[in-house]
Amino acid sequence: MDRIAVLLPCYNESNTIEKVVKDFHNVLPEAVIYVYDNNSSDGTDNIARSAGAIVRYEYQQGKGNVIRRMFRDIDAECYIMADGDDTYPAEFAREMVEKVLQHNVDMVVGDRLSSTYFMENKRPFHNFGNSLVRGTINNLFKSNIKDIMTGYRAFSYLFVKTFPILSKGFEIETEMSIHAVDKNMFVENVIIEYRDRPDGSVSKLNTYSDGVKVLKTILKLYKNYKPFGFFFALALILTLIGGIFFTPVFVEFLKTGVVEKIPTLIVCGFTMLAAIQSFFAGLILSTMTQKNRQDFEVDLHHMSDEYKKLTKN
């Protein structure tokens, strides 16, 4: 087991990967630096290997797939995850590592948004999107994570080995944040500086398509992690729709004693039945979710015992 593992997922980062590897080696000389190449065609793997990194490969395209492979393959007491594009300064890594190893933090978030991100990032829709995602998740999940989408994080062994990765692409950071909040993991924020990509380095993130994927991921995870809130909101919407269309039918009945709009009444009845079903589905699923959390805590206890045995060896 490594004491500290630096994880760098890469796709065509030949312009910057050498500097990134060397920077992390200077800040964390005791760390093992892993570069996982995701089908690069520009020699990123050879440059990283020459700079002193251990190079491995993930052939399924997508950042989520790369991180899933990293988390499966590598055992470490502390993990540092960053990008290979030199946007995250390595000098903050020591502080992040110390929070994991000395203060038992499960996930340390490299907070760009409280620092230089909005000045350095020249893509206004990225800035808006980051703020939107942060506000949405913190409101829905009652959390205080300062930067949901950052790729610069530190993790404990227990977080990495109990995190079920479902995302394939850039939605992975959102999934990490929600998992940590839902499972009551110890999360802290470290304010970091952010540098925009240097000339010649191209972002793999598509503002619109990946932004839509992130928002869909938030909605899906809210349904899975907070089913009562999701289905109660759905029940409320259905009740309002049914009530709006039923009101004129009922008023007309009071005046004339006759229901002329029978189809509308039938649709309203089915809508109200769907609302009742949604409400009780939320109740049942919230009970199941609570049971899953209890099972997770038991599994976490067993995983903690295994971790102690590994670190003793």
Foldseek 3Di string as FASTA:
>chain_A
DAAEEEEEEDAAQQVFQLVVLLQLCVQCVSYAYEYEYAPHDPCSQVSNVVSPHHYHYDPQDAPLSRLLVVLVPDAYQKYWWAYRQPFFGNNCVVVQSCCCPPVVAFKEAAAAPVDCCVVADPDVLVVVLQVVLQVVCCVLLVDDDRTQQHRTMMGGNLLSVLQDRDDGHSLRSNSSVNVCSLLVGHYYYDYGHTHDGDPPDDDPDDSPPVSVVNVVVVLVVCCQSQVQVNLLVVLVVLLVVLCVLVVVQVVVCVVPVDRPPVVNPVVSVVSNVSSVVSNVVSVVSVVVSVVVSVVSVVVSVVVVVVVVVVVVD
